[in-house]
């Protein structure tokens, strides 16, 4: 880095920085080369009168779904001679009605469920928007709040092309059953379609959307996962009228039979969240096309004889 030139010394010189005053001073003659400079680096000092060491002095981002944009004022706990007065202000604020209180609690619950599923923020925001629309319609009173929130998250995943099964949503839904979430999903879709006057875009589900997660939960090898992925892609060329989830489970069952680490139907059923009978029915549709579906690099025609007959 080039040294600054002092106009008094008329040569490049060392510079002494006074951080307190924000001045840059020539080390030779003492001339102030720059005054009141702004330090743009991070500042981690605490300016609070309390004993807290938290250096954060800003709140969260604004939320357009809330009345005040989420930028409300909070009165902190008192400290010093005006403690009684500040305590009274804090109590008065807490007693005041917050029109967004229920929304804030709902958004927090959706965020917790999304975090437990490892979902990105765009899905959280979409789920919050869906809940806000349904809540504005005043039609969810008397229904399970947990099921409604889970259904909003399920719909958001579908719309963002990151679908999750009802079982996965149910696992983080605070006690709401799959049946309740399914009913809540149908109810929300119906209400929003009536409000918009048009059908609601839900996105298309493919078996490949679930395959890698199922394989990961089953602890399958990378080679088996690649083979199952290719099998599922080839199955889309056939007229198999089964649920994408059951097709993914059936493809995993087919590939696992040809690999060293075999998976039984019970384990696959537990991961996929569908009944063993459902997987068998899908497997029955895939079995006649095994030679076309299973890649040659994974299994030869002779190896296909090891597949179970449906």
Protein backbone atom coordinates (compact mmCIF):
# COMPACT_ATOMS: atom_id res chain seq x y z
CA UNK A 1 0.00 0.00 0.00
CA UNK A 2 1.39 3.44 -0.97
CA UNK A 3 2.16 5.89 1.83
CA UNK A 4 0.21 9.18 1.81
CA UNK A 5 2.08 12.35 0.84
CA UNK A 6 2.20 15.13 3.41
CA UNK A 7 1.70 18.58 1.80
CA UNK A 8 3.83 20.19 4.52
CA UNK A 9 6.79 17.79 4.35
CA UNK A 10 6.31 17.34 0.60
CA UNK A 11 7.13 13.64 0.78
CA UNK A 12 5.59 10.28 1.56
CA UNK A 13 5.32 9.88 5.32
CA UNK A 14 4.13 7.59 8.06
CA UNK A 15 0.64 8.29 9.35
CA UNK A 16 -0.55 8.05 12.94
CA UNK A 17 -4.27 7.33 13.33
CA UNK A 18 -6.11 8.84 16.31
CA UNK A 19 -9.09 6.51 16.60
CA UNK A 20 -10.77 8.56 19.33
CA UNK A 21 -10.83 11.78 17.31
CA UNK A 22 -10.94 10.14 13.88
CA UNK A 23 -7.83 12.03 12.73
CA UNK A 24 -4.90 10.96 10.53
CA UNK A 25 -1.74 12.83 11.58
CA UNK A 26 1.62 13.07 9.82
CA UNK A 27 4.29 11.43 11.99
CA UNK A 28 6.99 13.90 10.81
CA UNK A 29 5.45 17.35 11.28
CA UNK A 30 2.15 16.66 13.09
CA UNK A 31 -0.09 18.05 10.33
CA UNK A 32 -3.64 16.64 10.42
CA UNK A 33 -4.07 15.06 7.00
CA UNK A 34 -7.68 13.97 7.52
CA UNK A 35 -10.09 14.76 10.33
CA UNK A 36 -13.29 13.17 11.59
CA UNK A 37 -12.94 10.13 9.37
CA UNK A 38 -15.68 7.53 9.62
CA UNK A 39 -14.73 4.00 10.66
CA UNK A 40 -16.83 1.69 8.50
CA UNK A 41 -15.72 -1.53 10.22
CA UNK A 42 -17.92 -3.45 12.68
CA UNK A 43 -18.39 -1.90 16.09
CA UNK A 44 -18.96 -4.23 19.02
CA UNK A 45 -19.23 -1.84 21.93
CA UNK A 46 -22.19 -1.98 24.30
CA UNK A 47 -23.95 1.32 24.96
CA UNK A 48 -26.62 -0.06 27.25
CA UNK A 49 -26.80 0.97 30.92
CA UNK A 50 -27.67 -2.60 31.86
CA UNK A 51 -25.21 -5.39 32.57
CA UNK A 52 -26.10 -7.12 29.29
CA UNK A 53 -23.16 -7.71 26.95
CA UNK A 54 -25.31 -7.87 23.81
CA UNK A 55 -23.86 -5.29 21.36
CA UNK A 56 -26.83 -5.38 18.99
CA UNK A 57 -28.57 -2.01 18.76
CA UNK A 58 -31.00 -2.71 15.92
CA UNK A 59 -34.14 -4.79 15.60
CA UNK A 60 -35.18 -7.36 13.04
CA UNK A 61 -36.15 -6.64 9.44
CA UNK A 62 -39.48 -5.07 8.62
CA UNK A 63 -42.41 -7.38 7.94
CA UNK A 64 -45.00 -6.03 5.47
CA UNK A 65 -47.54 -8.58 6.72
CA UNK A 66 -47.78 -6.81 10.09
CA UNK A 67 -49.69 -3.59 10.74
CA UNK A 68 -46.65 -1.59 11.85
CA UNK A 69 -44.24 -3.45 9.63
CA UNK A 70 -42.84 -5.23 12.67
CA UNK A 71 -40.99 -2.05 13.73
CA UNK A 72 -42.74 -1.49 17.04
CA UNK A 73 -41.15 0.16 20.08
CA UNK A 74 -40.32 -1.88 23.18
CA UNK A 75 -39.69 -0.22 26.55
CA UNK A 76 -36.69 -1.84 28.20
CA UNK A 77 -36.39 -2.78 31.85
CA UNK A 78 -35.65 0.20 34.11
CA UNK A 79 -32.28 1.02 35.65
CA UNK A 80 -31.52 3.95 37.93
CA UNK A 81 -33.54 6.58 39.74
CA UNK A 82 -36.44 6.55 37.26
CA UNK A 83 -37.06 2.85 37.77
CA UNK A 84 -40.63 3.20 39.08
CA UNK A 85 -41.73 5.42 36.21
CA UNK A 86 -40.16 3.21 33.54
CA UNK A 87 -41.66 0.12 35.15
CA UNK A 88 -45.08 1.69 34.87
CA UNK A 89 -44.53 2.49 31.20
CA UNK A 90 -43.50 -1.11 30.54
CA UNK A 91 -46.62 -2.45 32.27
CA UNK A 92 -48.88 -0.08 30.35
CA UNK A 93 -47.30 -1.15 27.09
CA UNK A 94 -47.79 -4.85 27.88
CA UNK A 95 -51.43 -4.23 28.79
CA UNK A 96 -52.10 -2.51 25.49
CA UNK A 97 -53.76 -4.52 22.77
CA UNK A 98 -51.51 -5.57 19.88
CA UNK A 99 -53.54 -6.32 16.74
CA UNK A 100 -50.69 -8.41 15.37
CA UNK A 101 -50.15 -10.54 18.45
CA UNK A 102 -51.80 -13.64 16.98
CA UNK A 103 -49.98 -13.18 13.67
CA UNK A 104 -46.61 -12.88 15.38
CA UNK A 105 -47.22 -16.09 17.32
CA UNK A 106 -48.35 -17.89 14.15
CA UNK A 107 -45.34 -16.67 12.15
CA UNK A 108 -43.03 -17.79 14.94
CA UNK A 109 -44.61 -21.26 14.92
CA UNK A 110 -44.27 -21.53 11.13
CA UNK A 111 -40.64 -20.46 11.39
CA UNK A 112 -39.94 -23.11 14.03
CA UNK A 113 -41.51 -25.87 11.91
CA UNK A 114 -39.62 -24.71 8.82
CA UNK A 115 -36.31 -24.65 10.70
CA UNK A 116 -36.86 -28.19 11.97
CA UNK A 117 -37.41 -29.34 8.38
CA UNK A 118 -34.43 -27.37 7.09
CA UNK A 119 -36.52 -25.20 4.76
CA UNK A 120 -35.27 -21.95 3.24
CA UNK A 121 -36.58 -18.52 4.14
CA UNK A 122 -38.56 -18.14 0.89
CA UNK A 123 -40.77 -21.05 1.93
CA UNK A 124 -41.26 -19.50 5.39
CA UNK A 125 -42.29 -16.19 3.81
CA UNK A 126 -44.70 -17.92 1.42
CA UNK A 127 -46.28 -19.86 4.31
CA UNK A 128 -46.66 -16.61 6.28
CA UNK A 129 -48.37 -14.96 3.30
CA UNK A 130 -50.79 -17.88 2.93
CA UNK A 131 -51.67 -17.79 6.63
CA UNK A 132 -52.19 -14.01 6.53
CA UNK A 133 -54.62 -14.36 3.61
CA UNK A 134 -56.58 -17.11 5.35
CA UNK A 135 -56.59 -15.24 8.65
CA UNK A 136 -57.95 -12.11 6.96
CA UNK A 137 -60.90 -14.16 5.68
CA UNK A 138 -61.93 -14.86 9.31
CA UNK A 139 -62.83 -18.44 8.35
CA UNK A 140 -60.42 -20.46 10.48
CA UNK A 141 -62.08 -19.90 13.83
CA UNK A 142 -62.91 -23.14 15.56
CA UNK A 143 -60.34 -25.11 13.60
CA UNK A 144 -57.08 -26.59 14.86
CA UNK A 145 -54.45 -23.85 14.76
CA UNK A 146 -51.60 -26.35 14.56
CA UNK A 147 -53.22 -28.09 11.57
CA UNK A 148 -53.81 -24.74 9.80
CA UNK A 149 -50.19 -23.64 10.28
CA UNK A 150 -48.88 -27.02 9.11
CA UNK A 151 -51.16 -26.90 6.07
CA UNK A 152 -49.87 -23.43 5.16
CA UNK A 153 -46.32 -24.77 5.30
CA UNK A 154 -47.27 -27.79 3.18
CA UNK A 155 -48.86 -25.57 0.51
CA UNK A 156 -45.84 -23.22 0.54
CA UNK A 157 -43.50 -26.16 -0.05
CA UNK A 158 -45.63 -27.26 -3.00
CA UNK A 159 -45.72 -23.79 -4.52
CA UNK A 160 -41.95 -23.32 -4.15
CA UNK A 161 -41.30 -26.69 -5.87
CA UNK A 162 -39.81 -28.16 -2.68
CA UNK A 163 -42.64 -30.52 -1.69
CA UNK A 164 -42.70 -32.42 1.58
CA UNK A 165 -44.87 -35.39 2.45
CA UNK A 166 -47.69 -35.12 4.95
CA UNK A 167 -45.69 -37.37 7.26
CA UNK A 168 -42.73 -34.97 7.20
CA UNK A 169 -44.98 -31.99 7.92
CA UNK A 170 -46.81 -33.97 10.61
CA UNK A 171 -43.53 -34.73 12.41
CA UNK A 172 -43.10 -31.02 13.26
CA UNK A 173 -46.78 -30.02 13.51
CA UNK A 174 -47.08 -29.94 17.32
CA UNK A 175 -49.45 -32.90 17.56
CA UNK A 176 -51.64 -32.33 14.50
CA UNK A 177 -52.39 -35.60 12.70
CA UNK A 178 -51.92 -36.30 8.99
CA UNK A 179 -55.69 -36.43 8.55
CA UNK A 180 -56.15 -33.02 10.21
CA UNK A 181 -53.40 -31.47 8.09
CA UNK A 182 -54.91 -32.97 4.93
CA UNK A 183 -58.35 -31.58 5.77
CA UNK A 184 -56.88 -28.17 6.63
CA UNK A 185 -55.00 -28.12 3.32
CA UNK A 186 -58.17 -28.80 1.32
CA UNK A 187 -60.03 -26.16 3.36
CA UNK A 188 -57.37 -23.48 2.78
CA UNK A 189 -57.11 -24.19 -0.95
CA UNK A 190 -60.91 -24.02 -1.29
CA UNK A 191 -61.13 -20.74 0.65
CA UNK A 192 -58.35 -19.04 -1.32
CA UNK A 193 -59.71 -20.25 -4.65
CA UNK A 194 -63.14 -18.81 -3.81
CA UNK A 195 -61.50 -15.52 -2.79
CA UNK A 196 -59.35 -15.29 -5.95
CA UNK A 197 -62.05 -16.63 -8.27
CA UNK A 198 -59.57 -18.95 -9.94
CA UNK A 199 -57.75 -22.20 -9.31
CA UNK A 200 -54.76 -22.09 -6.97
CA UNK A 201 -51.36 -23.01 -8.35
CA UNK A 202 -49.92 -25.83 -6.26
CA UNK A 203 -46.99 -27.01 -8.35
CA UNK A 204 -46.40 -30.47 -9.80
CA UNK A 205 -45.05 -33.28 -7.64
CA UNK A 206 -42.48 -35.67 -9.08
CA UNK A 207 -41.13 -38.84 -7.52
CA UNK A 208 -37.63 -37.41 -7.78
CA UNK A 209 -38.57 -34.62 -5.35
CA UNK A 210 -38.66 -37.14 -2.50
CA UNK A 211 -36.19 -39.79 -3.62
CA UNK A 212 -32.92 -38.39 -2.30
CA UNK A 213 -34.36 -37.62 1.14
CA UNK A 214 -35.80 -41.13 1.41
CA UNK A 215 -32.47 -42.66 0.36
CA UNK A 216 -30.60 -40.47 2.83
CA UNK A 217 -32.84 -41.55 5.70
CA UNK A 218 -32.33 -45.18 4.71
CA UNK A 219 -28.55 -44.78 4.58
CA UNK A 220 -28.20 -46.00 1.00
CA UNK A 221 -24.91 -45.80 -0.89
CA UNK A 222 -24.25 -43.13 -3.52
CA UNK A 223 -24.30 -45.75 -6.28
CA UNK A 224 -27.72 -47.01 -5.22
CA UNK A 225 -29.02 -43.44 -4.98
CA UNK A 226 -27.85 -42.70 -8.54
CA UNK A 227 -29.48 -45.87 -9.82
CA UNK A 228 -32.76 -45.11 -8.03
CA UNK A 229 -32.74 -41.54 -9.35
CA UNK A 230 -32.28 -42.73 -12.91
CA UNK A 231 -34.97 -45.38 -12.44
CA UNK A 232 -37.45 -42.76 -11.29
CA UNK A 233 -36.64 -40.49 -14.24
CA UNK A 234 -37.23 -43.33 -16.69
CA UNK A 235 -40.49 -44.23 -14.97
CA UNK A 236 -41.89 -40.81 -15.90
CA UNK A 237 -41.90 -41.97 -19.52
CA UNK A 238 -44.35 -44.73 -18.64
CA UNK A 239 -48.05 -44.40 -17.92
CA UNK A 240 -47.89 -45.30 -14.23
CA UNK A 241 -50.87 -43.77 -12.49
CA UNK A 242 -49.65 -43.97 -8.93
CA UNK A 243 -48.69 -41.43 -6.30
CA UNK A 244 -45.18 -40.00 -6.87
CA UNK A 245 -44.32 -40.85 -3.26
CA UNK A 246 -45.26 -44.50 -3.71
CA UNK A 247 -43.40 -44.64 -7.05
CA UNK A 248 -40.26 -43.29 -5.36
CA UNK A 249 -40.63 -45.87 -2.57
CA UNK A 250 -41.16 -48.68 -5.09
CA UNK A 251 -38.06 -47.62 -7.06
CA UNK A 252 -36.00 -47.68 -3.88
CA UNK A 253 -37.34 -51.13 -3.04
CA UNK A 254 -36.46 -52.38 -6.52
CA UNK A 255 -32.91 -50.99 -6.45
CA UNK A 256 -32.24 -52.18 -2.90
CA UNK A 257 -32.97 -55.76 -3.93
CA UNK A 258 -30.12 -55.57 -6.45
CA UNK A 259 -27.62 -53.93 -4.09
CA UNK A 260 -25.52 -55.40 -1.30
CA UNK A 261 -27.30 -53.34 1.38
CA UNK A 262 -30.88 -54.54 1.03
CA UNK A 263 -33.76 -52.61 2.61
CA UNK A 264 -36.93 -54.34 3.68
CA UNK A 265 -40.36 -53.03 2.81
CA UNK A 266 -41.13 -52.07 6.40
CA UNK A 267 -38.19 -49.65 6.64
CA UNK A 268 -39.02 -48.06 3.28
CA UNK A 269 -42.65 -47.71 4.31
CA UNK A 270 -41.64 -45.98 7.55
CA UNK A 271 -39.45 -43.45 5.76
CA UNK A 272 -41.87 -42.73 2.90
CA UNK A 273 -44.93 -42.55 5.12
CA UNK A 274 -47.05 -44.83 2.90
CA UNK A 275 -48.43 -48.28 3.60
CA UNK A 276 -46.56 -51.39 2.52
CA UNK A 277 -49.54 -52.45 0.41
CA UNK A 278 -49.36 -49.16 -1.50
CA UNK A 279 -45.66 -49.67 -2.21
CA UNK A 280 -46.33 -53.23 -3.40
CA UNK A 281 -49.00 -51.99 -5.82
CA UNK A 282 -46.59 -49.44 -7.30
CA UNK A 283 -43.85 -52.06 -7.45
CA UNK A 284 -46.26 -54.32 -9.34
CA UNK A 285 -46.57 -51.62 -12.02
CA UNK A 286 -42.80 -51.07 -12.24
CA UNK A 287 -41.74 -54.72 -12.25
CA UNK A 288 -42.71 -55.57 -15.89
CA UNK A 289 -40.56 -52.64 -17.09
CA UNK A 290 -37.55 -53.40 -14.86
CA UNK A 291 -35.23 -53.99 -17.84
CA UNK A 292 -36.04 -50.52 -19.21
CA UNK A 293 -36.04 -48.72 -15.86
CA UNK A 294 -32.91 -50.02 -14.14
CA UNK A 295 -29.68 -48.63 -15.71
CA UNK A 296 -27.33 -51.14 -17.34
CA UNK A 297 -24.30 -49.94 -15.40
CA UNK A 298 -26.01 -50.90 -12.14
CA UNK A 299 -27.52 -54.30 -13.03
CA UNK A 300 -27.46 -56.60 -16.05
CA UNK A 301 -30.40 -58.56 -17.39
CA UNK A 302 -29.14 -61.65 -15.53
CA UNK A 303 -29.22 -59.74 -12.23
CA UNK A 304 -32.85 -58.76 -12.74
CA UNK A 305 -33.82 -62.35 -11.97
CA UNK A 306 -33.05 -61.58 -8.32
CA UNK A 307 -36.01 -59.21 -8.15
CA UNK A 308 -38.96 -60.39 -6.10
CA UNK A 309 -42.03 -61.35 -8.09
CA UNK A 310 -44.97 -59.13 -7.11
